[in-house]
Structures are given as structure tokens and as C-alpha cells.
Amino acid sequence: LVARMTYDGNTNYKDSVKGRFNISRNRARTAVYLQMNNL
């Protein structure tokens, strides 16, 4: 697991990516994105 977002919007991340990666989604909950910084 790298990052996950529940239906309610709760997130969890693999420890090694915290602070560098960000998960987000669209309002319809039909798309999810992973912004990966400082790879």
C-alpha cells in the first residue's frame, strides 16, 4: 500500500511516503490522484 482514501475521505499512507505523496480524488469519487514529490 502506498496511499488510500476511504469513502469518507480518511487517508492513510505508507510511512516512507508521508510528507512527499498526497492522495486526492474528484468530487464524484470516480477518480483518484497521487501527487508524488521529491521522488
PDB file of all heavy atoms in Angstrom:
ATOM      1  N   LEU A   1       0.837  -1.187   0.000  1.00  0.00           N
ATOM      2  CA  LEU A   1       0.000   0.000   0.000  1.00  0.00           C
ATOM      3  C   LEU A   1       0.876   1.243   0.000  1.00  0.00           C
ATOM      4  O   LEU A   1       1.830   1.348   0.785  1.00  0.00           O
ATOM      5  CB  LEU A   1      -0.901   0.013   1.229  1.00  0.00           C
ATOM      6  CG  LEU A   1      -1.724   1.278   1.442  1.00  0.00           C
ATOM      7  CD1 LEU A   1      -2.783   1.411   0.369  1.00  0.00           C
ATOM      8  CD2 LEU A   1      -2.349   1.267   2.836  1.00  0.00           C
ATOM      9  N   VAL A   2       0.526   2.199  -0.845  1.00  0.00           N
ATOM     10  CA  VAL A   2       1.208   3.493  -0.862  1.00  0.00           C
ATOM     11  C   VAL A   2       0.322   4.540  -0.199  1.00  0.00           C
ATOM     12  O   VAL A   2       0.745   5.242   0.719  1.00  0.00           O
ATOM     13  CB  VAL A   2       1.552   3.927  -2.295  1.00  0.00           C
ATOM     14  CG1 VAL A   2       2.200   5.306  -2.297  1.00  0.00           C
ATOM     15  CG2 VAL A   2       2.451   2.898  -2.970  1.00  0.00           C
ATOM     16  N   ALA A   3      -0.897   4.656  -0.665  1.00  0.00           N
ATOM     17  CA  ALA A   3      -1.826   5.632  -0.116  1.00  0.00           C
ATOM     18  C   ALA A   3      -3.238   5.188  -0.441  1.00  0.00           C
ATOM     19  O   ALA A   3      -3.486   4.594  -1.498  1.00  0.00           O
ATOM     20  CB  ALA A   3      -1.561   7.022  -0.677  1.00  0.00           C
ATOM     21  N   ARG A   4      -4.148   5.521   0.463  1.00  0.00           N
ATOM     22  CA  ARG A   4      -5.518   5.053   0.316  1.00  0.00           C
ATOM     23  C   ARG A   4      -6.458   6.115   0.895  1.00  0.00           C
ATOM     24  O   ARG A   4      -6.126   6.779   1.879  1.00  0.00           O
ATOM     25  CB  ARG A   4      -5.656   3.734   1.076  1.00  0.00           C
ATOM     26  CG  ARG A   4      -7.013   3.112   1.146  1.00  0.00           C
ATOM     27  CD  ARG A   4      -6.880   1.758   1.860  1.00  0.00           C
ATOM     28  NE  ARG A   4      -8.162   1.136   2.080  1.00  0.00           N
ATOM     29  CZ  ARG A   4      -8.853   1.217   3.209  1.00  0.00           C
ATOM     30  NH1 ARG A   4      -8.374   1.906   4.214  1.00  0.00           N
ATOM     31  NH2 ARG A   4     -10.010   0.602   3.321  1.00  0.00           N
ATOM     32  N   MET A   5      -7.611   6.266   0.261  1.00  0.00           N
ATOM     33  CA  MET A   5      -8.621   7.187   0.758  1.00  0.00           C
ATOM     34  C   MET A   5      -9.951   6.461   0.845  1.00  0.00           C
ATOM     35  O   MET A   5     -10.404   5.877  -0.144  1.00  0.00           O
ATOM     36  CB  MET A   5      -8.741   8.415  -0.151  1.00  0.00           C
ATOM     37  CG  MET A   5      -9.765   9.422   0.327  1.00  0.00           C
ATOM     38  SD  MET A   5      -9.890  10.885  -0.726  1.00  0.00           S
ATOM     39  CE  MET A   5      -8.384  11.755  -0.261  1.00  0.00           C
ATOM     40  N   THR A   6     -10.581   6.504   2.005  1.00  0.00           N
ATOM     41  CA  THR A   6     -11.859   5.832   2.178  1.00  0.00           C
ATOM     42  C   THR A   6     -12.991   6.668   1.606  1.00  0.00           C
ATOM     43  O   THR A   6     -12.812   7.832   1.230  1.00  0.00           O
ATOM     44  CB  THR A   6     -12.141   5.558   3.656  1.00  0.00           C
ATOM     45  OG1 THR A   6     -12.333   6.819   4.316  1.00  0.00           O
ATOM     46  CG2 THR A   6     -10.997   4.803   4.315  1.00  0.00           C
ATOM     47  N   TYR A   7     -14.163   6.070   1.575  1.00  0.00           N
ATOM     48  CA  TYR A   7     -15.343   6.774   1.070  1.00  0.00           C
ATOM     49  C   TYR A   7     -15.533   8.113   1.796  1.00  0.00           C
ATOM     50  O   TYR A   7     -15.884   9.119   1.192  1.00  0.00           O
ATOM     51  CB  TYR A   7     -16.576   5.896   1.251  1.00  0.00           C
ATOM     52  CG  TYR A   7     -17.857   6.544   0.777  1.00  0.00           C
ATOM     53  CD1 TYR A   7     -18.249   6.426  -0.549  1.00  0.00           C
ATOM     54  CD2 TYR A   7     -18.667   7.257   1.654  1.00  0.00           C
ATOM     55  CE1 TYR A   7     -19.417   7.017  -1.004  1.00  0.00           C
ATOM     56  CE2 TYR A   7     -19.831   7.850   1.215  1.00  0.00           C
ATOM     57  CZ  TYR A   7     -20.209   7.733  -0.113  1.00  0.00           C
ATOM     58  OH  TYR A   7     -21.363   8.325  -0.559  1.00  0.00           O
ATOM     59  N   ASP A   8     -15.281   8.098   3.112  1.00  0.00           N
ATOM     60  CA  ASP A   8     -15.478   9.290   3.929  1.00  0.00           C
ATOM     61  C   ASP A   8     -14.343  10.294   3.843  1.00  0.00           C
ATOM     62  O   ASP A   8     -14.402  11.344   4.462  1.00  0.00           O
ATOM     63  CB  ASP A   8     -15.668   8.893   5.397  1.00  0.00           C
ATOM     64  CG  ASP A   8     -16.953   8.128   5.613  1.00  0.00           C
ATOM     65  OD1 ASP A   8     -17.907   8.335   4.835  1.00  0.00           O
ATOM     66  OD2 ASP A   8     -17.014   7.320   6.566  1.00  0.00           O
ATOM     67  N   GLY A   9     -13.304   9.944   3.110  1.00  0.00           N
ATOM     68  CA  GLY A   9     -12.197  10.872   2.939  1.00  0.00           C
ATOM     69  C   GLY A   9     -11.024  10.662   3.868  1.00  0.00           C
ATOM     70  O   GLY A   9     -10.061  11.432   3.837  1.00  0.00           O
ATOM     71  N   ASN A  10     -11.082   9.642   4.690  1.00  0.00           N
ATOM     72  CA  ASN A  10      -9.942   9.353   5.548  1.00  0.00           C
ATOM     73  C   ASN A  10      -8.802   8.771   4.716  1.00  0.00           C
ATOM     74  O   ASN A  10      -9.037   8.015   3.770  1.00  0.00           O
ATOM     75  CB  ASN A  10     -10.327   8.362   6.649  1.00  0.00           C
ATOM     76  CG  ASN A  10     -11.370   8.934   7.575  1.00  0.00           C
ATOM     77  OD1 ASN A  10     -11.246  10.063   8.039  1.00  0.00           O
ATOM     78  ND2 ASN A  10     -12.420   8.176   7.842  1.00  0.00           N
ATOM     79  N   THR A  11      -7.595   9.133   5.079  1.00  0.00           N
ATOM     80  CA  THR A  11      -6.438   8.688   4.296  1.00  0.00           C
ATOM     81  C   THR A  11      -5.430   7.959   5.167  1.00  0.00           C
ATOM     82  O   THR A  11      -5.349   8.193   6.381  1.00  0.00           O
ATOM     83  CB  THR A  11      -5.728   9.869   3.624  1.00  0.00           C
ATOM     84  OG1 THR A  11      -5.294  10.783   4.629  1.00  0.00           O
ATOM     85  CG2 THR A  11      -6.653  10.587   2.657  1.00  0.00           C
ATOM     86  N   ASN A  12      -4.689   7.092   4.548  1.00  0.00           N
ATOM     87  CA  ASN A  12      -3.517   6.535   5.200  1.00  0.00           C
ATOM     88  C   ASN A  12      -2.425   6.315   4.160  1.00  0.00           C
ATOM     89  O   ASN A  12      -2.711   6.095   2.977  1.00  0.00           O
ATOM     90  CB  ASN A  12      -3.814   5.256   5.992  1.00  0.00           C
ATOM     91  CG  ASN A  12      -4.419   4.166   5.169  1.00  0.00           C
ATOM     92  OD1 ASN A  12      -5.523   4.304   4.663  1.00  0.00           O
ATOM     93  ND2 ASN A  12      -3.701   3.068   5.021  1.00  0.00           N
ATOM     94  N   TYR A  13      -1.211   6.452   4.630  1.00  0.00           N
ATOM     95  CA  TYR A  13      -0.036   6.427   3.763  1.00  0.00           C
ATOM     96  C   TYR A  13       1.014   5.469   4.301  1.00  0.00           C
ATOM     97  O   TYR A  13       1.152   5.273   5.504  1.00  0.00           O
ATOM     98  CB  TYR A  13       0.617   7.814   3.702  1.00  0.00           C
ATOM     99  CG  TYR A  13      -0.188   8.884   3.034  1.00  0.00           C
ATOM    100  CD1 TYR A  13      -1.107   9.644   3.754  1.00  0.00           C
ATOM    101  CD2 TYR A  13      -0.021   9.158   1.682  1.00  0.00           C
ATOM    102  CE1 TYR A  13      -1.850  10.639   3.144  1.00  0.00           C
ATOM    103  CE2 TYR A  13      -0.753  10.165   1.058  1.00  0.00           C
ATOM    104  CZ  TYR A  13      -1.658  10.895   1.800  1.00  0.00           C
ATOM    105  OH  TYR A  13      -2.379  11.889   1.177  1.00  0.00           O
ATOM    106  N   LYS A  14       1.774   4.925   3.384  1.00  0.00           N
ATOM    107  CA  LYS A  14       2.983   4.190   3.767  1.00  0.00           C
ATOM    108  C   LYS A  14       3.917   5.197   4.441  1.00  0.00           C
ATOM    109  O   LYS A  14       4.036   6.340   3.988  1.00  0.00           O
ATOM    110  CB  LYS A  14       3.642   3.604   2.518  1.00  0.00           C
ATOM    111  CG  LYS A  14       4.934   2.863   2.760  1.00  0.00           C
ATOM    112  CD  LYS A  14       5.481   2.311   1.475  1.00  0.00           C
ATOM    113  CE  LYS A  14       6.847   1.691   1.689  1.00  0.00           C
ATOM    114  NZ  LYS A  14       6.824   0.592   2.672  1.00  0.00           N
ATOM    115  N   ASP A  15       4.560   4.770   5.507  1.00  0.00           N
ATOM    116  CA  ASP A  15       5.383   5.703   6.280  1.00  0.00           C
ATOM    117  C   ASP A  15       6.427   6.414   5.425  1.00  0.00           C
ATOM    118  O   ASP A  15       6.670   7.613   5.584  1.00  0.00           O
ATOM    119  CB  ASP A  15       6.079   4.966   7.426  1.00  0.00           C
ATOM    120  CG  ASP A  15       5.136   4.668   8.579  1.00  0.00           C
ATOM    121  OD1 ASP A  15       4.037   5.246   8.621  1.00  0.00           O
ATOM    122  OD2 ASP A  15       5.501   3.858   9.447  1.00  0.00           O
ATOM    123  N   SER A  16       7.041   5.695   4.525  1.00  0.00           N
ATOM    124  CA  SER A  16       8.164   6.276   3.775  1.00  0.00           C
ATOM    125  C   SER A  16       7.736   7.333   2.765  1.00  0.00           C
ATOM    126  O   SER A  16       8.587   8.036   2.209  1.00  0.00           O
ATOM    127  CB  SER A  16       8.955   5.176   3.072  1.00  0.00           C
ATOM    128  OG  SER A  16       8.161   4.538   2.095  1.00  0.00           O
ATOM    129  N   VAL A  17       6.438   7.457   2.509  1.00  0.00           N
ATOM    130  CA  VAL A  17       5.984   8.467   1.545  1.00  0.00           C
ATOM    131  C   VAL A  17       5.286   9.640   2.219  1.00  0.00           C
ATOM    132  O   VAL A  17       4.935  10.617   1.549  1.00  0.00           O
ATOM    133  CB  VAL A  17       5.072   7.861   0.462  1.00  0.00           C
ATOM    134  CG1 VAL A  17       5.729   6.651  -0.188  1.00  0.00           C
ATOM    135  CG2 VAL A  17       3.686   7.524   0.988  1.00  0.00           C
ATOM    136  N   LYS A  18       5.073   9.543   3.513  1.00  0.00           N
ATOM    137  CA  LYS A  18       4.406  10.636   4.231  1.00  0.00           C
ATOM    138  C   LYS A  18       5.203  11.928   4.082  1.00  0.00           C
ATOM    139  O   LYS A  18       6.427  11.944   4.221  1.00  0.00           O
ATOM    140  CB  LYS A  18       4.264  10.271   5.705  1.00  0.00           C
ATOM    141  CG  LYS A  18       3.230   9.204   5.971  1.00  0.00           C
ATOM    142  CD  LYS A  18       3.144   8.870   7.463  1.00  0.00           C
ATOM    143  CE  LYS A  18       2.119   7.787   7.716  1.00  0.00           C
ATOM    144  NZ  LYS A  18       2.055   7.397   9.141  1.00  0.00           N
ATOM    145  N   GLY A  19       4.485  13.000   3.788  1.00  0.00           N
ATOM    146  CA  GLY A  19       5.139  14.286   3.589  1.00  0.00           C
ATOM    147  C   GLY A  19       5.629  14.516   2.174  1.00  0.00           C
ATOM    148  O   GLY A  19       5.985  15.633   1.812  1.00  0.00           O
ATOM    149  N   ARG A  20       5.657  13.449   1.373  1.00  0.00           N
ATOM    150  CA  ARG A  20       6.097  13.590  -0.025  1.00  0.00           C
ATOM    151  C   ARG A  20       4.965  13.311  -1.012  1.00  0.00           C
ATOM    152  O   ARG A  20       4.904  13.930  -2.074  1.00  0.00           O
ATOM    153  CB  ARG A  20       7.249  12.615  -0.319  1.00  0.00           C
ATOM    154  CG  ARG A  20       8.486  12.823   0.526  1.00  0.00           C
ATOM    155  CD  ARG A  20       9.648  11.972   0.033  1.00  0.00           C
ATOM    156  NE  ARG A  20       9.375  10.531   0.137  1.00  0.00           N
ATOM    157  CZ  ARG A  20       9.399   9.678  -0.888  1.00  0.00           C
ATOM    158  NH1 ARG A  20       9.660  10.117  -2.107  1.00  0.00           N
ATOM    159  NH2 ARG A  20       9.175   8.397  -0.690  1.00  0.00           N
ATOM    160  N   PHE A  21       4.101  12.362  -0.678  1.00  0.00           N
ATOM    161  CA  PHE A  21       2.999  11.983  -1.565  1.00  0.00           C
ATOM    162  C   PHE A  21       1.683  12.499  -0.998  1.00  0.00           C
ATOM    163  O   PHE A  21       1.495  12.582   0.218  1.00  0.00           O
ATOM    164  CB  PHE A  21       2.906  10.465  -1.680  1.00  0.00           C
ATOM    165  CG  PHE A  21       4.035   9.812  -2.433  1.00  0.00           C
ATOM    166  CD1 PHE A  21       5.183  10.497  -2.774  1.00  0.00           C
ATOM    167  CD2 PHE A  21       3.932   8.470  -2.799  1.00  0.00           C
ATOM    168  CE1 PHE A  21       6.213   9.878  -3.458  1.00  0.00           C
ATOM    169  CE2 PHE A  21       4.951   7.844  -3.493  1.00  0.00           C
ATOM    170  CZ  PHE A  21       6.087   8.554  -3.811  1.00  0.00           C
ATOM    171  N   ASN A  22       0.770  12.800  -1.913  1.00  0.00           N
ATOM    172  CA  ASN A  22      -0.554  13.237  -1.487  1.00  0.00           C
ATOM    173  C   ASN A  22      -1.621  12.590  -2.370  1.00  0.00           C
ATOM    174  O   ASN A  22      -1.543  12.669  -3.604  1.00  0.00           O
ATOM    175  CB  ASN A  22      -0.681  14.759  -1.577  1.00  0.00           C
ATOM    176  CG  ASN A  22      -2.017  15.234  -1.065  1.00  0.00           C
ATOM    177  OD1 ASN A  22      -2.293  15.159   0.120  1.00  0.00           O
ATOM    178  ND2 ASN A  22      -2.867  15.709  -1.955  1.00  0.00           N
ATOM    179  N   ILE A  23      -2.591  11.968  -1.738  1.00  0.00           N
ATOM    180  CA  ILE A  23      -3.692  11.352  -2.475  1.00  0.00           C
ATOM    181  C   ILE A  23      -4.887  12.290  -2.449  1.00  0.00           C
ATOM    182  O   ILE A  23      -5.168  12.929  -1.432  1.00  0.00           O
ATOM    183  CB  ILE A  23      -4.043   9.966  -1.894  1.00  0.00           C
ATOM    184  CG1 ILE A  23      -5.035   9.239  -2.788  1.00  0.00           C
ATOM    185  CG2 ILE A  23      -4.553  10.055  -0.458  1.00  0.00           C
ATOM    186  CD1 ILE A  23      -5.236   7.767  -2.436  1.00  0.00           C
ATOM    187  N   SER A  24      -5.573  12.368  -3.564  1.00  0.00           N
ATOM    188  CA  SER A  24      -6.773  13.188  -3.655  1.00  0.00           C
ATOM    189  C   SER A  24      -7.751  12.523  -4.611  1.00  0.00           C
ATOM    190  O   SER A  24      -7.411  11.534  -5.272  1.00  0.00           O
ATOM    191  CB  SER A  24      -6.430  14.598  -4.119  1.00  0.00           C
ATOM    192  OG  SER A  24      -5.839  14.571  -5.412  1.00  0.00           O
ATOM    193  N   ARG A  25      -8.936  13.081  -4.710  1.00  0.00           N
ATOM    194  CA  ARG A  25      -9.938  12.479  -5.603  1.00  0.00           C
ATOM    195  C   ARG A  25     -10.864  13.566  -6.110  1.00  0.00           C
ATOM    196  O   ARG A  25     -10.881  14.689  -5.598  1.00  0.00           O
ATOM    197  CB  ARG A  25     -10.727  11.405  -4.864  1.00  0.00           C
ATOM    198  CG  ARG A  25     -11.618  11.970  -3.774  1.00  0.00           C
ATOM    199  CD  ARG A  25     -12.328  10.878  -3.007  1.00  0.00           C
ATOM    200  NE  ARG A  25     -13.145  11.426  -1.936  1.00  0.00           N
ATOM    201  CZ  ARG A  25     -13.656  10.684  -0.971  1.00  0.00           C
ATOM    202  NH1 ARG A  25     -13.453   9.365  -0.934  1.00  0.00           N
ATOM    203  NH2 ARG A  25     -14.394  11.244  -0.028  1.00  0.00           N
ATOM    204  N   ASN A  26     -11.665  13.200  -7.084  1.00  0.00           N
ATOM    205  CA  ASN A  26     -12.660  14.145  -7.557  1.00  0.00           C
ATOM    206  C   ASN A  26     -13.914  14.048  -6.680  1.00  0.00           C
ATOM    207  O   ASN A  26     -14.070  13.133  -5.865  1.00  0.00           O
ATOM    208  CB  ASN A  26     -12.976  13.914  -9.037  1.00  0.00           C
ATOM    209  CG  ASN A  26     -13.659  12.577  -9.305  1.00  0.00           C
ATOM    210  OD1 ASN A  26     -13.735  11.722  -8.425  1.00  0.00           O
ATOM    211  ND2 ASN A  26     -14.146  12.405 -10.508  1.00  0.00           N
ATOM    212  N   ARG A  27     -14.811  15.000  -6.865  1.00  0.00           N
ATOM    213  CA  ARG A  27     -15.990  15.067  -6.005  1.00  0.00           C
ATOM    214  C   ARG A  27     -16.886  13.844  -6.190  1.00  0.00           C
ATOM    215  O   ARG A  27     -17.524  13.383  -5.258  1.00  0.00           O
ATOM    216  CB  ARG A  27     -16.759  16.353  -6.297  1.00  0.00           C
ATOM    217  CG  ARG A  27     -17.979  16.540  -5.424  1.00  0.00           C
ATOM    218  CD  ARG A  27     -18.594  17.898  -5.630  1.00  0.00           C
ATOM    219  NE  ARG A  27     -17.753  18.956  -5.109  1.00  0.00           N
ATOM    220  CZ  ARG A  27     -18.104  20.231  -5.052  1.00  0.00           C
ATOM    221  NH1 ARG A  27     -19.289  20.605  -5.507  1.00  0.00           N
ATOM    222  NH2 ARG A  27     -17.298  21.140  -4.562  1.00  0.00           N
ATOM    223  N   ALA A  28     -16.934  13.325  -7.384  1.00  0.00           N
ATOM    224  CA  ALA A  28     -17.813  12.191  -7.678  1.00  0.00           C
ATOM    225  C   ALA A  28     -17.257  10.867  -7.169  1.00  0.00           C
ATOM    226  O   ALA A  28     -17.923   9.835  -7.259  1.00  0.00           O
ATOM    227  CB  ALA A  28     -18.057  12.100  -9.183  1.00  0.00           C
ATOM    228  N   ARG A  29     -16.032  10.900  -6.643  1.00  0.00           N
ATOM    229  CA  ARG A  29     -15.381   9.673  -6.155  1.00  0.00           C
ATOM    230  C   ARG A  29     -15.191   8.659  -7.278  1.00  0.00           C
ATOM    231  O   ARG A  29     -15.247   7.449  -7.056  1.00  0.00           O
ATOM    232  CB  ARG A  29     -16.147   9.041  -4.990  1.00  0.00           C
ATOM    233  CG  ARG A  29     -16.306   9.935  -3.775  1.00  0.00           C
ATOM    234  CD  ARG A  29     -16.995   9.172  -2.651  1.00  0.00           C
ATOM    235  NE  ARG A  29     -17.174   9.945  -1.449  1.00  0.00           N
ATOM    236  CZ  ARG A  29     -18.266  10.662  -1.192  1.00  0.00           C
ATOM    237  NH1 ARG A  29     -19.247  10.698  -2.062  1.00  0.00           N
ATOM    238  NH2 ARG A  29     -18.362  11.336  -0.059  1.00  0.00           N
ATOM    239  N   THR A  30     -14.960   9.140  -8.476  1.00  0.00           N
ATOM    240  CA  THR A  30     -14.715   8.247  -9.601  1.00  0.00           C
ATOM    241  C   THR A  30     -13.297   8.363 -10.127  1.00  0.00           C
ATOM    242  O   THR A  30     -12.940   7.706 -11.111  1.00  0.00           O
ATOM    243  CB  THR A  30     -15.695   8.529 -10.749  1.00  0.00           C
ATOM    244  OG1 THR A  30     -15.557   9.915 -11.136  1.00  0.00           O
ATOM    245  CG2 THR A  30     -17.129   8.255 -10.329  1.00  0.00           C
ATOM    246  N   ALA A  31     -12.501   9.202  -9.520  1.00  0.00           N
ATOM    247  CA  ALA A  31     -11.105   9.346  -9.925  1.00  0.00           C
ATOM    248  C   ALA A  31     -10.263   9.606  -8.690  1.00  0.00           C
ATOM    249  O   ALA A  31     -10.705  10.270  -7.745  1.00  0.00           O
ATOM    250  CB  ALA A  31     -10.926  10.476 -10.926  1.00  0.00           C
ATOM    251  N   VAL A  32      -9.088   9.075  -8.716  1.00  0.00           N
ATOM    252  CA  VAL A  32      -8.151   9.285  -7.606  1.00  0.00           C
ATOM    253  C   VAL A  32      -6.801   9.648  -8.192  1.00  0.00           C
ATOM    254  O   VAL A  32      -6.445   9.195  -9.295  1.00  0.00           O
ATOM    255  CB  VAL A  32      -8.073   8.020  -6.712  1.00  0.00           C
ATOM    256  CG1 VAL A  32      -7.454   6.849  -7.441  1.00  0.00           C
ATOM    257  CG2 VAL A  32      -7.342   8.316  -5.422  1.00  0.00           C
ATOM    258  N   TYR A  33      -6.096  10.487  -7.467  1.00  0.00           N
ATOM    259  CA  TYR A  33      -4.832  11.008  -7.944  1.00  0.00           C
ATOM    260  C   TYR A  33      -3.748  10.784  -6.882  1.00  0.00           C
ATOM    261  O   TYR A  33      -4.045  10.753  -5.682  1.00  0.00           O
ATOM    262  CB  TYR A  33      -4.948  12.501  -8.245  1.00  0.00           C
ATOM    263  CG  TYR A  33      -6.145  12.830  -9.085  1.00  0.00           C
ATOM    264  CD1 TYR A  33      -7.326  13.289  -8.500  1.00  0.00           C
ATOM    265  CD2 TYR A  33      -6.119  12.650 -10.464  1.00  0.00           C
ATOM    266  CE1 TYR A  33      -8.438  13.567  -9.258  1.00  0.00           C
ATOM    267  CE2 TYR A  33      -7.236  12.931 -11.235  1.00  0.00           C
ATOM    268  CZ  TYR A  33      -8.393  13.391 -10.632  1.00  0.00           C
ATOM    269  OH  TYR A  33      -9.491  13.651 -11.394  1.00  0.00           O
ATOM    270  N   LEU A  34      -2.525  10.674  -7.338  1.00  0.00           N
ATOM    271  CA  LEU A  34      -1.403  10.573  -6.409  1.00  0.00           C
ATOM    272  C   LEU A  34      -0.336  11.554  -6.863  1.00  0.00           C
ATOM    273  O   LEU A  34       0.303  11.354  -7.907  1.00  0.00           O
ATOM    274  CB  LEU A  34      -0.846   9.152  -6.372  1.00  0.00           C
ATOM    275  CG  LEU A  34       0.232   8.909  -5.321  1.00  0.00           C
ATOM    276  CD1 LEU A  34      -0.371   9.017  -3.909  1.00  0.00           C
ATOM    277  CD2 LEU A  34       0.881   7.547  -5.506  1.00  0.00           C
ATOM    278  N   GLN A  35      -0.187  12.614  -6.100  1.00  0.00           N
ATOM    279  CA  GLN A  35       0.883  13.572  -6.358  1.00  0.00           C
ATOM    280  C   GLN A  35       2.127  13.102  -5.622  1.00  0.00           C
ATOM    281  O   GLN A  35       2.100  12.960  -4.396  1.00  0.00           O
ATOM    282  CB  GLN A  35       0.473  14.967  -5.876  1.00  0.00           C
ATOM    283  CG  GLN A  35       1.551  16.018  -6.043  1.00  0.00           C
ATOM    284  CD  GLN A  35       1.864  16.302  -7.504  1.00  0.00           C
ATOM    285  OE1 GLN A  35       0.968  16.372  -8.329  1.00  0.00           O
ATOM    286  NE2 GLN A  35       3.144  16.472  -7.820  1.00  0.00           N
ATOM    287  N   MET A  36       3.180  12.862  -6.353  1.00  0.00           N
ATOM    288  CA  MET A  36       4.415  12.328  -5.774  1.00  0.00           C
ATOM    289  C   MET A  36       5.516  13.368  -5.944  1.00  0.00           C
ATOM    290  O   MET A  36       5.894  13.690  -7.069  1.00  0.00           O
ATOM    291  CB  MET A  36       4.800  11.021  -6.463  1.00  0.00           C
ATOM    292  CG  MET A  36       3.692   9.975  -6.439  1.00  0.00           C
ATOM    293  SD  MET A  36       4.208   8.389  -7.107  1.00  0.00           S
ATOM    294  CE  MET A  36       4.424   8.822  -8.834  1.00  0.00           C
ATOM    295  N   ASN A  37       5.988  13.869  -4.838  1.00  0.00           N
ATOM    296  CA  ASN A  37       7.044  14.887  -4.842  1.00  0.00           C
ATOM    297  C   ASN A  37       8.322  14.324  -4.242  1.00  0.00           C
ATOM    298  O   ASN A  37       8.304  13.349  -3.494  1.00  0.00           O
ATOM    299  CB  ASN A  37       6.592  16.107  -4.041  1.00  0.00           C
ATOM    300  CG  ASN A  37       5.362  16.751  -4.612  1.00  0.00           C
ATOM    301  OD1 ASN A  37       5.178  16.833  -5.827  1.00  0.00           O
ATOM    302  ND2 ASN A  37       4.492  17.232  -3.734  1.00  0.00           N
ATOM    303  N   ASN A  38       9.418  14.972  -4.582  1.00  0.00           N
ATOM    304  CA  ASN A  38      10.716  14.571  -4.046  1.00  0.00           C
ATOM    305  C   ASN A  38      10.917  13.057  -4.186  1.00  0.00           C
ATOM    306  O   ASN A  38      11.236  12.360  -3.211  1.00  0.00           O
ATOM    307  CB  ASN A  38      10.834  14.994  -2.587  1.00  0.00           C
ATOM    308  CG  ASN A  38      12.236  14.790  -2.035  1.00  0.00           C
ATOM    309  OD1 ASN A  38      13.213  14.742  -2.791  1.00  0.00           O
ATOM    310  ND2 ASN A  38      12.336  14.661  -0.721  1.00  0.00           N
ATOM    311  N   LEU A  39      10.736  12.580  -5.389  1.00  0.00           N
ATOM    312  CA  LEU A  39      10.831  11.139  -5.631  1.00  0.00           C
ATOM    313  C   LEU A  39      12.229  10.620  -5.347  1.00  0.00           C
ATOM    314  O   LEU A  39      13.239  11.296  -5.607  1.00  0.00           O
ATOM    315  CB  LEU A  39      10.410  10.824  -7.058  1.00  0.00           C
ATOM    316  CG  LEU A  39       8.895  10.824  -7.267  1.00  0.00           C
ATOM    317  CD1 LEU A  39       8.543  11.009  -8.733  1.00  0.00           C
ATOM    318  CD2 LEU A  39       8.287   9.537  -6.730  1.00  0.00           C
TER     319      LEU A  39
END
